[in-house]
């Protein structure tokens, strides 16, 4: 190998290393994941699959304990998770034909670790559960993730279901559910 070829290879290798190191410095998560969002504790592990690189994580909306409205978790200008709650007087089955419009590729959630019914779609989940609070016999928790969520759809659905299973008992506790 000549000196000229060696210098070219060294220069190319240095340029690649510099490009990789600069790429590693840009992007990434510059924010801290909160221990609580929307008025309930959030598991960083359950939330992690939906988090994107960015500078700031914001939680906007009403805490779920109010029992109305919705609460969204944003990274920069990117909606990552929307959590919505309804207090109702009957148990709604997410697999009922009347609820089909809410989903893309709906599937029943099985073996929930609490009393309730659930369904998951490509970008959302709906869980209807007993509550027995003074102002609600039942609660419906909706979890929606960004339509731009990346990754394999099967994995995303698993992550949505895991997040819903993690957050529903915490929502019930915040509402004061006795069942």
Protein backbone atom coordinates (compact mmCIF):
# COMPACT_ATOMS: atom_id res chain seq x y z
CA UNK A 1 0.00 0.00 0.00
CA UNK A 2 1.43 3.37 -0.95
CA UNK A 3 1.60 6.34 1.39
CA UNK A 4 -0.94 8.18 -0.73
CA UNK A 5 -3.48 5.30 -0.54
CA UNK A 6 -2.87 4.94 3.18
CA UNK A 7 -3.56 8.65 3.77
CA UNK A 8 -6.78 8.42 1.72
CA UNK A 9 -8.01 5.43 3.74
CA UNK A 10 -7.10 7.16 6.97
CA UNK A 11 -8.86 10.33 5.85
CA UNK A 12 -11.94 8.35 4.84
CA UNK A 13 -11.98 6.49 8.14
CA UNK A 14 -11.62 9.73 10.10
CA UNK A 15 -14.41 11.35 8.09
CA UNK A 16 -16.70 8.37 8.81
CA UNK A 17 -15.86 8.48 12.52
CA UNK A 18 -16.52 12.22 12.64
CA UNK A 19 -19.86 11.81 10.85
CA UNK A 20 -20.90 9.02 13.20
CA UNK A 21 -19.90 10.95 16.30
CA UNK A 22 -21.75 14.06 15.14
CA UNK A 23 -24.81 11.95 14.36
CA UNK A 24 -24.68 10.47 17.84
CA UNK A 25 -24.57 13.94 19.36
CA UNK A 26 -27.65 15.13 17.52
CA UNK A 27 -31.09 13.73 18.25
CA UNK A 28 -31.74 11.49 21.20
CA UNK A 29 -33.96 12.11 24.16
CA UNK A 30 -33.00 15.31 25.88
CA UNK A 31 -36.01 15.18 28.20
CA UNK A 32 -36.76 13.32 31.40
CA UNK A 33 -39.72 10.94 31.48
CA UNK A 34 -41.96 11.99 34.37
CA UNK A 35 -42.97 9.56 37.10
CA UNK A 36 -46.54 10.85 36.75
CA UNK A 37 -48.60 12.07 33.80
CA UNK A 38 -52.28 12.82 33.45
CA UNK A 39 -52.66 12.52 37.22
CA UNK A 40 -51.48 8.90 37.41
CA UNK A 41 -48.10 7.22 37.80
CA UNK A 42 -46.64 6.20 34.45
CA UNK A 43 -44.24 3.36 33.88
CA UNK A 44 -41.30 4.49 31.79
CA UNK A 45 -41.00 0.92 30.54
CA UNK A 46 -44.63 0.87 29.31
CA UNK A 47 -44.35 4.38 27.82
CA UNK A 48 -40.91 3.93 26.26
CA UNK A 49 -41.99 2.32 22.95
CA UNK A 50 -43.93 5.46 22.04
CA UNK A 51 -41.34 8.03 23.02
CA UNK A 52 -39.42 9.73 20.25
CA UNK A 53 -36.22 11.70 20.18
CA UNK A 54 -36.69 15.32 21.18
CA UNK A 55 -35.92 18.12 23.55
CA UNK A 56 -39.06 18.48 25.65
CA UNK A 57 -41.79 16.18 26.93
CA UNK A 58 -45.07 17.92 27.80
CA UNK A 59 -48.26 16.63 29.36
CA UNK A 60 -51.31 18.64 28.30
CA UNK A 61 -54.95 18.25 29.25
CA UNK A 62 -56.93 17.37 32.30
CA UNK A 63 -55.87 14.79 34.89
CA UNK A 64 -57.86 11.57 34.51
CA UNK A 65 -59.08 11.77 38.12
CA UNK A 66 -61.46 14.54 37.01
CA UNK A 67 -63.22 11.85 34.99
CA UNK A 68 -63.65 14.00 31.89
CA UNK A 69 -61.72 15.04 28.85
CA UNK A 70 -58.39 13.77 27.81
CA UNK A 71 -54.73 14.13 28.51
CA UNK A 72 -51.94 13.96 25.96
CA UNK A 73 -48.24 13.31 26.19
CA UNK A 74 -46.20 15.24 23.63
CA UNK A 75 -42.54 15.24 22.68
CA UNK A 76 -41.73 18.59 21.12
CA UNK A 77 -44.60 19.00 18.62
CA UNK A 78 -45.24 15.26 18.30
CA UNK A 79 -48.24 13.65 20.04
CA UNK A 80 -47.02 10.30 21.37
CA UNK A 81 -49.88 9.09 23.61
CA UNK A 82 -53.40 10.36 24.21
CA UNK A 83 -55.25 9.07 27.27
CA UNK A 84 -59.00 9.62 27.46
CA UNK A 85 -61.50 8.60 30.13
CA UNK A 86 -65.26 8.33 30.34
CA UNK A 87 -67.33 7.51 33.43
CA UNK A 88 -70.41 5.55 32.38
CA UNK A 89 -73.35 3.65 33.87
CA UNK A 90 -72.88 0.34 32.05
CA UNK A 91 -70.12 -1.92 30.82
CA UNK A 92 -69.43 -1.28 27.15
CA UNK A 93 -67.88 -4.15 25.23
CA UNK A 94 -65.13 -2.87 22.90
CA UNK A 95 -65.77 -5.91 20.68
CA UNK A 96 -69.43 -4.96 20.19
CA UNK A 97 -70.35 -4.01 16.64
CA UNK A 98 -71.23 -0.48 17.83
CA UNK A 99 -67.58 0.11 18.86
CA UNK A 100 -65.99 -1.20 15.66
CA UNK A 101 -65.59 2.32 14.21
CA UNK A 102 -62.96 3.13 16.83
CA UNK A 103 -60.43 0.58 15.57
CA UNK A 104 -58.27 -0.49 12.70
CA UNK A 105 -57.84 -4.28 12.86
CA UNK A 106 -59.56 -4.73 16.23
CA UNK A 107 -58.72 -7.72 18.41
CA UNK A 108 -59.98 -8.72 21.83
CA UNK A 109 -57.63 -8.26 24.78
CA UNK A 110 -57.60 -11.52 26.74
CA UNK A 111 -56.67 -12.37 30.31
CA UNK A 112 -56.87 -8.82 31.65
CA UNK A 113 -55.42 -8.68 35.18
CA UNK A 114 -58.49 -6.77 36.36
CA UNK A 115 -62.24 -7.04 35.86
CA UNK A 116 -63.11 -5.59 32.47
CA UNK A 117 -63.26 -5.92 28.71
CA UNK A 118 -60.67 -4.65 26.28
CA UNK A 119 -59.78 -4.42 22.61
CA UNK A 120 -56.67 -3.26 20.82
CA UNK A 121 -56.20 -1.90 17.32
CA UNK A 122 -53.25 -0.83 15.24
CA UNK A 123 -53.06 2.57 16.97
CA UNK A 124 -55.34 2.37 20.02
CA UNK A 125 -56.94 0.41 22.82
CA UNK A 126 -60.27 0.65 24.64
CA UNK A 127 -60.77 -0.88 28.08
CA UNK A 128 -64.14 -0.88 29.81
CA UNK A 129 -63.98 -1.78 33.49
CA UNK A 130 -66.02 -1.79 36.69
CA UNK A 131 -65.40 1.17 38.94
CA UNK A 132 -68.05 1.46 41.66
CA UNK A 133 -67.09 5.03 42.52
CA UNK A 134 -69.76 7.37 43.89
CA UNK A 135 -70.19 9.05 40.50
CA UNK A 136 -69.44 6.15 38.13
CA UNK A 137 -70.32 2.48 38.02
CA UNK A 138 -67.92 1.87 35.14
CA UNK A 139 -65.03 3.58 33.43
CA UNK A 140 -63.78 3.44 29.88
CA UNK A 141 -60.12 4.17 29.26
CA UNK A 142 -59.01 4.94 25.72
CA UNK A 143 -55.34 4.86 24.77
CA UNK A 144 -54.34 6.28 21.40
CA UNK A 145 -50.84 6.54 19.97
CA UNK A 146 -49.57 8.63 17.11
CA UNK A 147 -50.50 7.48 13.63
CA UNK A 148 -46.82 8.04 12.84
CA UNK A 149 -45.67 5.54 15.46
CA UNK A 150 -42.90 3.54 13.94
CA UNK A 151 -42.10 -0.10 14.08
CA UNK A 152 -43.76 -3.37 13.32
CA UNK A 153 -47.56 -3.23 13.74
CA UNK A 154 -47.61 -6.44 15.80
CA UNK A 155 -45.06 -5.03 18.25
CA UNK A 156 -46.89 -1.69 18.38
CA UNK A 157 -50.16 -3.46 19.22
CA UNK A 158 -48.40 -5.42 21.97
CA UNK A 159 -46.94 -2.17 23.35
CA UNK A 160 -50.34 -0.45 23.26
CA UNK A 161 -51.93 -3.36 25.12
CA UNK A 162 -49.11 -3.41 27.70
CA UNK A 163 -49.47 0.33 28.29
CA UNK A 164 -53.27 0.02 28.66
CA UNK A 165 -52.97 -2.91 31.09
CA UNK A 166 -50.42 -0.92 33.10
CA UNK A 167 -52.34 2.37 33.22
CA UNK A 168 -55.98 1.22 33.73
CA UNK A 169 -55.54 0.11 37.38
CA UNK A 170 -53.78 3.43 38.10
CA UNK A 171 -56.66 5.35 36.52
CA UNK A 172 -59.15 3.35 38.57
CA UNK A 173 -57.23 4.18 41.74
CA UNK A 174 -57.12 7.89 40.82
CA UNK A 175 -60.90 7.83 40.27
CA UNK A 176 -61.49 6.20 43.63
CA UNK A 177 -62.95 3.03 42.16
CA UNK A 178 -63.70 0.40 44.77
CA UNK A 179 -63.86 -2.53 42.33
